PDB file of N, CA and C in Angstrom:
ATOM      1  N   MET A   1     104.373  95.185  86.991  1.00  0.00           N
ATOM      2  CA  MET A   1     103.626  94.464  88.006  1.00  0.00           C
ATOM      3  C   MET A   1     102.136  94.658  87.756  1.00  0.00           C
ATOM      4  N   PRO A   2     101.368  93.582  87.723  1.00  0.00           N
ATOM      5  CA  PRO A   2      99.931  93.721  87.459  1.00  0.00           C
ATOM      6  C   PRO A   2      99.223  94.440  88.598  1.00  0.00           C
ATOM      7  N   ALA A   3      98.161  95.134  88.250  1.00  0.00           N
ATOM      8  CA  ALA A   3      97.363  95.842  89.260  1.00  0.00           C
ATOM      9  C   ALA A   3      96.645  94.839  90.142  1.00  0.00           C
ATOM     10  N   ARG A   4      96.568  95.136  91.410  1.00  0.00           N
ATOM     11  CA  ARG A   4      95.838  94.290  92.345  1.00  0.00           C
ATOM     12  C   ARG A   4      94.532  95.001  92.705  1.00  0.00           C
ATOM     13  N   ALA A   5      93.574  94.250  93.194  1.00  0.00           N
ATOM     14  CA  ALA A   5      92.249  94.801  93.481  1.00  0.00           C
ATOM     15  C   ALA A   5      92.322  95.954  94.467  1.00  0.00           C
ATOM     16  N   TRP A   6      93.253  95.923  95.413  1.00  0.00           N
ATOM     17  CA  TRP A   6      93.299  96.952  96.446  1.00  0.00           C
ATOM     18  C   TRP A   6      94.178  98.130  96.054  1.00  0.00           C
ATOM     19  N   ASP A   7      94.695  98.180  94.812  1.00  0.00           N
ATOM     20  CA  ASP A   7      95.497  99.313  94.371  1.00  0.00           C
ATOM     21  C   ASP A   7      94.631 100.525  94.036  1.00  0.00           C
ATOM     22  N   ALA A   8      93.359 100.325  93.766  1.00  0.00           N
ATOM     23  CA  ALA A   8      92.464 101.419  93.389  1.00  0.00           C
ATOM     24  C   ALA A   8      91.257 101.396  94.320  1.00  0.00           C
ATOM     25  N   VAL A   9      91.473 101.821  95.537  1.00  0.00           N
ATOM     26  CA  VAL A   9      90.416 101.763  96.545  1.00  0.00           C
ATOM     27  C   VAL A   9      89.378 102.838  96.284  1.00  0.00           C
ATOM     28  N   GLU A  10      88.128 102.438  96.291  1.00  0.00           N
ATOM     29  CA  GLU A  10      87.039 103.391  96.137  1.00  0.00           C
ATOM     30  C   GLU A  10      86.881 104.191  97.424  1.00  0.00           C
ATOM     31  N   LEU A  11      86.587 105.448  97.316  1.00  0.00           N
ATOM     32  CA  LEU A  11      86.320 106.250  98.505  1.00  0.00           C
ATOM     33  C   LEU A  11      85.128 105.683  99.266  1.00  0.00           C
ATOM     34  N   ASP A  12      85.183 105.711 100.572  1.00  0.00           N
ATOM     35  CA  ASP A  12      84.115 105.224 101.448  1.00  0.00           C
ATOM     36  C   ASP A  12      83.878 103.721 101.320  1.00  0.00           C
ATOM     37  N   ALA A  13      84.842 102.990 100.816  1.00  0.00           N
ATOM     38  CA  ALA A  13      84.693 101.539 100.715  1.00  0.00           C
ATOM     39  C   ALA A  13      85.680 100.850 101.647  1.00  0.00           C
ATOM     40  N   GLN A  14      85.855 101.408 102.835  1.00  0.00           N
ATOM     41  CA  GLN A  14      86.829 100.877 103.771  1.00  0.00           C
ATOM     42  C   GLN A  14      86.190 100.634 105.122  1.00  0.00           C
ATOM     43  N   ASN A  15      86.709  99.618 105.812  1.00  0.00           N
ATOM     44  CA  ASN A  15      86.338  99.313 107.187  1.00  0.00           C
ATOM     45  C   ASN A  15      84.836  99.105 107.381  1.00  0.00           C
ATOM     46  N   VAL A  16      84.283  98.224 106.571  1.00  0.00           N
ATOM     47  CA  VAL A  16      82.879  97.854 106.645  1.00  0.00           C
ATOM     48  C   VAL A  16      82.796  96.450 107.230  1.00  0.00           C
ATOM     49  N   PHE A  17      81.864  96.207 108.143  1.00  0.00           N
ATOM     50  CA  PHE A  17      81.710  94.871 108.709  1.00  0.00           C
ATOM     51  C   PHE A  17      81.066  93.945 107.687  1.00  0.00           C
ATOM     52  N   GLY A  18      81.559  92.721 107.651  1.00  0.00           N
ATOM     53  CA  GLY A  18      80.989  91.706 106.781  1.00  0.00           C
ATOM     54  C   GLY A  18      81.126  90.347 107.424  1.00  0.00           C
ATOM     55  N   PHE A  19      80.665  89.328 106.735  1.00  0.00           N
ATOM     56  CA  PHE A  19      80.884  87.980 107.222  1.00  0.00           C
ATOM     57  C   PHE A  19      81.043  87.032 106.047  1.00  0.00           C
ATOM     58  N   ILE A  20      81.795  85.964 106.312  1.00  0.00           N
ATOM     59  CA  ILE A  20      82.167  84.984 105.302  1.00  0.00           C
ATOM     60  C   ILE A  20      81.422  83.694 105.600  1.00  0.00           C
ATOM     61  N   ALA A  21      80.798  83.127 104.595  1.00  0.00           N
ATOM     62  CA  ALA A  21      80.123  81.843 104.748  1.00  0.00           C
ATOM     63  C   ALA A  21      81.153  80.733 104.565  1.00  0.00           C
ATOM     64  N   ILE A  22      81.432  80.009 105.658  1.00  0.00           N
ATOM     65  CA  ILE A  22      82.328  78.858 105.595  1.00  0.00           C
ATOM     66  C   ILE A  22      81.560  77.672 105.010  1.00  0.00           C
ATOM     67  N   ASP A  23      80.364  77.448 105.516  1.00  0.00           N
ATOM     68  CA  ASP A  23      79.421  76.477 104.965  1.00  0.00           C
ATOM     69  C   ASP A  23      78.026  76.979 105.309  1.00  0.00           C
ATOM     70  N   GLU A  24      77.011  76.165 105.074  1.00  0.00           N
ATOM     71  CA  GLU A  24      75.639  76.648 105.287  1.00  0.00           C
ATOM     72  C   GLU A  24      75.297  76.903 106.748  1.00  0.00           C
ATOM     73  N   HIS A  25      76.134  76.424 107.673  1.00  0.00           N
ATOM     74  CA  HIS A  25      75.862  76.614 109.100  1.00  0.00           C
ATOM     75  C   HIS A  25      76.895  77.468 109.818  1.00  0.00           C
ATOM     76  N   THR A  26      77.994  77.796 109.164  1.00  0.00           N
ATOM     77  CA  THR A  26      79.095  78.485 109.827  1.00  0.00           C
ATOM     78  C   THR A  26      79.449  79.760 109.091  1.00  0.00           C
ATOM     79  N   HIS A  27      79.489  80.861 109.841  1.00  0.00           N
ATOM     80  CA  HIS A  27      79.894  82.147 109.292  1.00  0.00           C
ATOM     81  C   HIS A  27      80.990  82.731 110.170  1.00  0.00           C
ATOM     82  N   LYS A  28      81.883  83.501 109.557  1.00  0.00           N
ATOM     83  CA  LYS A  28      82.995  84.116 110.266  1.00  0.00           C
ATOM     84  C   LYS A  28      82.953  85.608 110.005  1.00  0.00           C
ATOM     85  N   GLY A  29      82.969  86.401 111.070  1.00  0.00           N
ATOM     86  CA  GLY A  29      82.948  87.853 110.931  1.00  0.00           C
ATOM     87  C   GLY A  29      84.274  88.381 110.417  1.00  0.00           C
ATOM     88  N   CYS A  30      84.212  89.495 109.701  1.00  0.00           N
ATOM     89  CA  CYS A  30      85.432  90.116 109.182  1.00  0.00           C
ATOM     90  C   CYS A  30      85.203  91.611 109.013  1.00  0.00           C
ATOM     91  N   VAL A  31      86.283  92.322 108.830  1.00  0.00           N
ATOM     92  CA  VAL A  31      86.231  93.727 108.456  1.00  0.00           C
ATOM     93  C   VAL A  31      86.697  93.813 107.013  1.00  0.00           C
ATOM     94  N   ILE A  32      85.868  94.392 106.163  1.00  0.00           N
ATOM     95  CA  ILE A  32      86.236  94.606 104.771  1.00  0.00           C
ATOM     96  C   ILE A  32      87.049  95.888 104.766  1.00  0.00           C
ATOM     97  N   GLN A  33      88.370  95.703 104.834  1.00  0.00           N
ATOM     98  CA  GLN A  33      89.260  96.835 105.046  1.00  0.00           C
ATOM     99  C   GLN A  33      89.320  97.736 103.825  1.00  0.00           C
ATOM    100  N   GLU A  34      89.404  97.140 102.661  1.00  0.00           N
ATOM    101  CA  GLU A  34      89.438  97.890 101.418  1.00  0.00           C
ATOM    102  C   GLU A  34      88.671  97.094 100.372  1.00  0.00           C
ATOM    103  N   ALA A  35      87.965  97.791  99.500  1.00  0.00           N
ATOM    104  CA  ALA A  35      87.216  97.091  98.453  1.00  0.00           C
ATOM    105  C   ALA A  35      87.213  97.925  97.181  1.00  0.00           C
ATOM    106  N   THR A  36      87.281  97.232  96.065  1.00  0.00           N
ATOM    107  CA  THR A  36      87.147  97.863  94.755  1.00  0.00           C
ATOM    108  C   THR A  36      86.140  97.037  93.966  1.00  0.00           C
ATOM    109  N   ASP A  37      86.026  97.315  92.689  1.00  0.00           N
ATOM    110  CA  ASP A  37      85.115  96.528  91.869  1.00  0.00           C
ATOM    111  C   ASP A  37      85.690  95.156  91.530  1.00  0.00           C
ATOM    112  N   LEU A  38      86.968  94.907  91.835  1.00  0.00           N
ATOM    113  CA  LEU A  38      87.603  93.623  91.527  1.00  0.00           C
ATOM    114  C   LEU A  38      87.752  92.705  92.720  1.00  0.00           C
ATOM    115  N   GLY A  39      87.894  93.271  93.905  1.00  0.00           N
ATOM    116  CA  GLY A  39      88.130  92.432  95.073  1.00  0.00           C
ATOM    117  C   GLY A  39      88.201  93.228  96.350  1.00  0.00           C
ATOM    118  N   ALA A  40      88.668  92.552  97.406  1.00  0.00           N
ATOM    119  CA  ALA A  40      88.679  93.186  98.723  1.00  0.00           C
ATOM    120  C   ALA A  40      89.783  92.607  99.583  1.00  0.00           C
ATOM    121  N   ARG A  41      90.176  93.370 100.585  1.00  0.00           N
ATOM    122  CA  ARG A  41      91.078  92.899 101.639  1.00  0.00           C
ATOM    123  C   ARG A  41      90.227  92.721 102.889  1.00  0.00           C
ATOM    124  N   LEU A  42      90.230  91.502 103.421  1.00  0.00           N
ATOM    125  CA  LEU A  42      89.405  91.140 104.568  1.00  0.00           C
ATOM    126  C   LEU A  42      90.310  90.877 105.769  1.00  0.00           C
ATOM    127  N   VAL A  43      89.949  91.439 106.904  1.00  0.00           N
ATOM    128  CA  VAL A  43      90.725  91.254 108.128  1.00  0.00           C
ATOM    129  C   VAL A  43      89.833  90.560 109.146  1.00  0.00           C
ATOM    130  N   MET A  44      90.402  89.515 109.804  1.00  0.00           N
ATOM    131  CA  MET A  44      89.658  88.766 110.811  1.00  0.00           C
ATOM    132  C   MET A  44      90.642  88.175 111.809  1.00  0.00           C
ATOM    133  N   ILE A  45      90.139  87.604 112.881  1.00  0.00           N
ATOM    134  CA  ILE A  45      91.009  87.059 113.916  1.00  0.00           C
ATOM    135  C   ILE A  45      91.763  85.838 113.420  1.00  0.00           C
ATOM    136  N   ASP A  46      91.103  84.907 112.729  1.00  0.00           N
ATOM    137  CA  ASP A  46      91.747  83.687 112.258  1.00  0.00           C
ATOM    138  C   ASP A  46      91.296  83.395 110.836  1.00  0.00           C
ATOM    139  N   ALA A  47      92.157  83.707 109.883  1.00  0.00           N
ATOM    140  CA  ALA A  47      91.812  83.492 108.477  1.00  0.00           C
ATOM    141  C   ALA A  47      92.057  82.058 108.033  1.00  0.00           C
ATOM    142  N   GLY A  48      92.676  81.248 108.869  1.00  0.00           N
ATOM    143  CA  GLY A  48      93.005  79.882 108.496  1.00  0.00           C
ATOM    144  C   GLY A  48      91.803  78.996 108.249  1.00  0.00           C
ATOM    145  N   ALA A  49      90.673  79.292 108.884  1.00  0.00           N
ATOM    146  CA  ALA A  49      89.477  78.462 108.729  1.00  0.00           C
ATOM    147  C   ALA A  49      88.689  78.776 107.460  1.00  0.00           C
ATOM    148  N   VAL A  50      89.063  79.827 106.755  1.00  0.00           N
ATOM    149  CA  VAL A  50      88.325  80.242 105.561  1.00  0.00           C
ATOM    150  C   VAL A  50      88.851  79.464 104.353  1.00  0.00           C
ATOM    151  N   PRO A  51      87.968  78.801 103.603  1.00  0.00           N
ATOM    152  CA  PRO A  51      88.414  78.053 102.421  1.00  0.00           C
ATOM    153  C   PRO A  51      88.858  78.973 101.287  1.00  0.00           C
ATOM    154  N   GLY A  52      89.417  78.397 100.248  1.00  0.00           N
ATOM    155  CA  GLY A  52      89.887  79.174  99.106  1.00  0.00           C
ATOM    156  C   GLY A  52      88.777  79.868  98.342  1.00  0.00           C
ATOM    157  N   ASP A  53      87.617  79.225  98.247  1.00  0.00           N
ATOM    158  CA  ASP A  53      86.434  79.822  97.622  1.00  0.00           C
ATOM    159  C   ASP A  53      85.378  79.987  98.693  1.00  0.00           C
ATOM    160  N   PHE A  54      84.802  81.168  98.779  1.00  0.00           N
ATOM    161  CA  PHE A  54      83.823  81.457  99.824  1.00  0.00           C
ATOM    162  C   PHE A  54      82.865  82.531  99.345  1.00  0.00           C
ATOM    163  N   VAL A  55      81.848  82.802 100.135  1.00  0.00           N
ATOM    164  CA  VAL A  55      80.868  83.840  99.824  1.00  0.00           C
ATOM    165  C   VAL A  55      80.984  84.931 100.873  1.00  0.00           C
ATOM    166  N   LEU A  56      81.092  86.173 100.417  1.00  0.00           N
ATOM    167  CA  LEU A  56      81.212  87.337 101.285  1.00  0.00           C
ATOM    168  C   LEU A  56      79.880  88.060 101.348  1.00  0.00           C
ATOM    169  N   TYR A  57      79.415  88.341 102.556  1.00  0.00           N
ATOM    170  CA  TYR A  57      78.171  89.066 102.781  1.00  0.00           C
ATOM    171  C   TYR A  57      78.473  90.335 103.557  1.00  0.00           C
ATOM    172  N   SER A  58      77.663  91.343 103.364  1.00  0.00           N
ATOM    173  CA  SER A  58      77.713  92.557 104.171  1.00  0.00           C
ATOM    174  C   SER A  58      76.350  93.221 104.100  1.00  0.00           C
ATOM    175  N   TYR A  59      75.973  93.878 105.170  1.00  0.00           N
ATOM    176  CA  TYR A  59      74.722  94.632 105.149  1.00  0.00           C
ATOM    177  C   TYR A  59      74.816  95.807 104.182  1.00  0.00           C
ATOM    178  N   SER A  60      76.030  96.161 103.784  1.00  0.00           N
ATOM    179  CA  SER A  60      76.228  97.253 102.843  1.00  0.00           C
ATOM    180  C   SER A  60      76.090  96.821 101.392  1.00  0.00           C
ATOM    181  N   PHE A  61      76.094  95.502 101.123  1.00  0.00           N
ATOM    182  CA  PHE A  61      75.978  94.999  99.757  1.00  0.00           C
ATOM    183  C   PHE A  61      74.525  94.680  99.463  1.00  0.00           C
ATOM    184  N   ASP A  62      74.162  94.823  98.208  1.00  0.00           N
ATOM    185  CA  ASP A  62      72.819  94.441  97.774  1.00  0.00           C
ATOM    186  C   ASP A  62      72.695  92.941  97.578  1.00  0.00           C
ATOM    187  N   THR A  63      73.814  92.260  97.423  1.00  0.00           N
ATOM    188  CA  THR A  63      73.815  90.834  97.139  1.00  0.00           C
ATOM    189  C   THR A  63      75.080  90.198  97.706  1.00  0.00           C
ATOM    190  N   ALA A  64      75.093  88.891  97.808  1.00  0.00           N
ATOM    191  CA  ALA A  64      76.277  88.168  98.252  1.00  0.00           C
ATOM    192  C   ALA A  64      77.302  88.147  97.118  1.00  0.00           C
ATOM    193  N   LEU A  65      78.583  88.103  97.480  1.00  0.00           N
ATOM    194  CA  LEU A  65      79.647  88.108  96.486  1.00  0.00           C
ATOM    195  C   LEU A  65      80.493  86.842  96.601  1.00  0.00           C
ATOM    196  N   PRO A  66      80.463  85.974  95.598  1.00  0.00           N
ATOM    197  CA  PRO A  66      81.360  84.829  95.617  1.00  0.00           C
ATOM    198  C   PRO A  66      82.794  85.314  95.427  1.00  0.00           C
ATOM    199  N   CYS A  67      83.724  84.760  96.220  1.00  0.00           N
ATOM    200  CA  CYS A  67      85.113  85.229  96.217  1.00  0.00           C
ATOM    201  C   CYS A  67      86.085  84.070  96.110  1.00  0.00           C
ATOM    202  N   LYS A  68      87.303  84.404  95.701  1.00  0.00           N
ATOM    203  CA  LYS A  68      88.419  83.455  95.671  1.00  0.00           C
ATOM    204  C   LYS A  68      89.588  84.118  96.381  1.00  0.00           C
ATOM    205  N   ALA A  69      90.134  83.436  97.397  1.00  0.00           N
ATOM    206  CA  ALA A  69      91.297  83.941  98.122  1.00  0.00           C
ATOM    207  C   ALA A  69      92.516  83.863  97.220  1.00  0.00           C
ATOM    208  N   ILE A  70      93.237  84.989  97.082  1.00  0.00           N
ATOM    209  CA  ILE A  70      94.437  84.990  96.249  1.00  0.00           C
ATOM    210  C   ILE A  70      95.701  85.137  97.082  1.00  0.00           C
ATOM    211  N   ALA A  71      95.572  85.636  98.302  1.00  0.00           N
ATOM    212  CA  ALA A  71      96.706  85.751  99.224  1.00  0.00           C
ATOM    213  C   ALA A  71      96.137  85.786 100.630  1.00  0.00           C
ATOM    214  N   ARG A  72      96.918  85.284 101.598  1.00  0.00           N
ATOM    215  CA  ARG A  72      96.425  85.299 102.965  1.00  0.00           C
ATOM    216  C   ARG A  72      97.567  85.279 103.957  1.00  0.00           C
ATOM    217  N   THR A  73      97.286  85.801 105.133  1.00  0.00           N
ATOM    218  CA  THR A  73      98.144  85.673 106.301  1.00  0.00           C
ATOM    219  C   THR A  73      97.257  85.073 107.391  1.00  0.00           C
ATOM    220  N   ASP A  74      97.750  85.032 108.622  1.00  0.00           N
ATOM    221  CA  ASP A  74      96.947  84.493 109.717  1.00  0.00           C
ATOM    222  C   ASP A  74      95.701  85.322 109.995  1.00  0.00           C
ATOM    223  N   GLU A  75      95.750  86.629 109.692  1.00  0.00           N
ATOM    224  CA  GLU A  75      94.643  87.526 110.038  1.00  0.00           C
ATOM    225  C   GLU A  75      94.086  88.312 108.858  1.00  0.00           C
ATOM    226  N   MET A  76      94.493  87.994 107.621  1.00  0.00           N
ATOM    227  CA  MET A  76      94.063  88.777 106.480  1.00  0.00           C
ATOM    228  C   MET A  76      93.919  87.900 105.244  1.00  0.00           C
ATOM    229  N   ILE A  77      92.931  88.215 104.430  1.00  0.00           N
ATOM    230  CA  ILE A  77      92.739  87.544 103.138  1.00  0.00           C
ATOM    231  C   ILE A  77      92.558  88.613 102.072  1.00  0.00           C
ATOM    232  N   ASP A  78      93.309  88.497 100.995  1.00  0.00           N
ATOM    233  CA  ASP A  78      93.067  89.303  99.802  1.00  0.00           C
ATOM    234  C   ASP A  78      92.273  88.417  98.855  1.00  0.00           C
ATOM    235  N   ALA A  79      91.144  88.911  98.375  1.00  0.00           N
ATOM    236  CA  ALA A  79      90.239  88.082  97.574  1.00  0.00           C
ATOM    237  C   ALA A  79      89.793  88.815  96.322  1.00  0.00           C
ATOM    238  N   TRP A  80      89.665  88.053  95.240  1.00  0.00           N
ATOM    239  CA  TRP A  80      89.045  88.539  94.011  1.00  0.00           C
ATOM    240  C   TRP A  80      87.577  88.161  94.062  1.00  0.00           C
ATOM    241  N   PHE A  81      86.732  88.987  93.489  1.00  0.00           N
ATOM    242  CA  PHE A  81      85.328  88.642  93.336  1.00  0.00           C
ATOM    243  C   PHE A  81      85.187  87.738  92.116  1.00  0.00           C
ATOM    244  N   ASN A  82      84.535  86.597  92.266  1.00  0.00           N
ATOM    245  CA  ASN A  82      84.283  85.682  91.150  1.00  0.00           C
ATOM    246  C   ASN A  82      83.025  86.126  90.441  1.00  0.00           C
ATOM    247  N   CYS A  83      83.176  86.605  89.228  1.00  0.00           N
ATOM    248  CA  CYS A  83      82.003  87.026  88.464  1.00  0.00           C
ATOM    249  C   CYS A  83      82.335  86.929  86.986  1.00  0.00           C
ATOM    250  N   ASP A  84      81.317  86.837  86.160  1.00  0.00           N
ATOM    251  CA  ASP A  84      81.508  86.749  84.722  1.00  0.00           C
ATOM    252  C   ASP A  84      81.881  88.094  84.122  1.00  0.00           C
ATOM    253  N   HIS A  85      81.460  89.163  84.787  1.00  0.00           N
ATOM    254  CA  HIS A  85      81.787  90.496  84.318  1.00  0.00           C
ATOM    255  C   HIS A  85      81.957  91.408  85.528  1.00  0.00           C
ATOM    256  N   VAL A  86      82.646  92.512  85.335  1.00  0.00           N
ATOM    257  CA  VAL A  86      82.940  93.424  86.434  1.00  0.00           C
ATOM    258  C   VAL A  86      81.888  94.522  86.528  1.00  0.00           C
ATOM    259  N   ASP A  87      81.291  94.910  85.437  1.00  0.00           N
ATOM    260  CA  ASP A  87      80.339  96.022  85.447  1.00  0.00           C
ATOM    261  C   ASP A  87      79.169  95.746  86.377  1.00  0.00           C
ATOM    262  N   GLY A  88      78.832  96.720  87.199  1.00  0.00           N
ATOM    263  CA  GLY A  88      77.636  96.640  88.004  1.00  0.00           C
ATOM    264  C   GLY A  88      77.756  95.841  89.291  1.00  0.00           C
ATOM    265  N   LEU A  89      78.961  95.544  89.741  1.00  0.00           N
ATOM    266  CA  LEU A  89      79.079  94.841  91.016  1.00  0.00           C
ATOM    267  C   LEU A  89      78.534  95.708  92.151  1.00  0.00           C
ATOM    268  N   PRO A  90      77.852  95.124  93.094  1.00  0.00           N
ATOM    269  CA  PRO A  90      77.213  95.906  94.147  1.00  0.00           C
ATOM    270  C   PRO A  90      78.181  96.492  95.167  1.00  0.00           C
ATOM    271  N   VAL A  91      79.467  96.181  95.083  1.00  0.00           N
ATOM    272  CA  VAL A  91      80.412  96.677  96.074  1.00  0.00           C
ATOM    273  C   VAL A  91      80.668  98.172  95.928  1.00  0.00           C
ATOM    274  N   LEU A  92      80.314  98.765  94.793  1.00  0.00           N
ATOM    275  CA  LEU A  92      80.561 100.179  94.574  1.00  0.00           C
ATOM    276  C   LEU A  92      79.391 101.026  95.050  1.00  0.00           C
ATOM    277  N   GLY A  93      79.680 102.204  95.547  1.00  0.00           N
ATOM    278  CA  GLY A  93      78.646 103.153  95.917  1.00  0.00           C
ATOM    279  C   GLY A  93      78.223 103.000  97.360  1.00  0.00           C
ATOM    280  N   LEU A  94      77.183 103.715  97.720  1.00  0.00           N
ATOM    281  CA  LEU A  94      76.676 103.705  99.090  1.00  0.00           C
ATOM    282  C   LEU A  94      75.266 103.196  99.131  1.00  0.00           C
ATOM    283  N   ARG A  95      74.909 102.559 100.223  1.00  0.00           N
ATOM    284  CA  ARG A  95      73.550 102.106 100.435  1.00  0.00           C
ATOM    285  C   ARG A  95      73.225 102.352 101.894  1.00  0.00           C
ATOM    286  N   ASN A  96      72.211 103.086 102.157  1.00  0.00           N
ATOM    287  CA  ASN A  96      71.793 103.419 103.513  1.00  0.00           C
ATOM    288  C   ASN A  96      72.905 104.095 104.319  1.00  0.00           C
ATOM    289  N   GLY A  97      73.743 104.875 103.653  1.00  0.00           N
ATOM    290  CA  GLY A  97      74.775 105.609 104.348  1.00  0.00           C
ATOM    291  C   GLY A  97      76.001 104.804 104.704  1.00  0.00           C
ATOM    292  N   TYR A  98      76.049 103.541 104.334  1.00  0.00           N
ATOM    293  CA  TYR A  98      77.211 102.715 104.643  1.00  0.00           C
ATOM    294  C   TYR A  98      77.999 102.471 103.372  1.00  0.00           C
ATOM    295  N   ALA A  99      79.306 102.365 103.533  1.00  0.00           N
ATOM    296  CA  ALA A  99      80.146 102.079 102.368  1.00  0.00           C
ATOM    297  C   ALA A  99      79.834 100.713 101.839  1.00  0.00           C
ATOM    298  N   ALA A 100      79.838 100.592 100.546  1.00  0.00           N
ATOM    299  CA  ALA A 100      79.620  99.286  99.925  1.00  0.00           C
ATOM    300  C   ALA A 100      80.723  99.007  98.947  1.00  0.00           C
TER     301      ALA A 100
END
């Protein structure tokens, strides 16, 4: 079975508040339940309104992360980070005492 992004959770990279850009005027709050350098598990009240490709923001990240939903339920989305390379993604480490 191939490894999934949430199989190798980084320490202190759990339960961080974030928000998803639906379009340029609409954002949806979420909890970044688990995150690694490959992707994240996002929990929210209604995941149905989130498109397949979206941008994930958090005050804990240095930059926005383009994402692709790979699995979802009514209240959860598992997403891969869309990037050309994995090295140096801002989701790893801490910034201002918050998990990133």
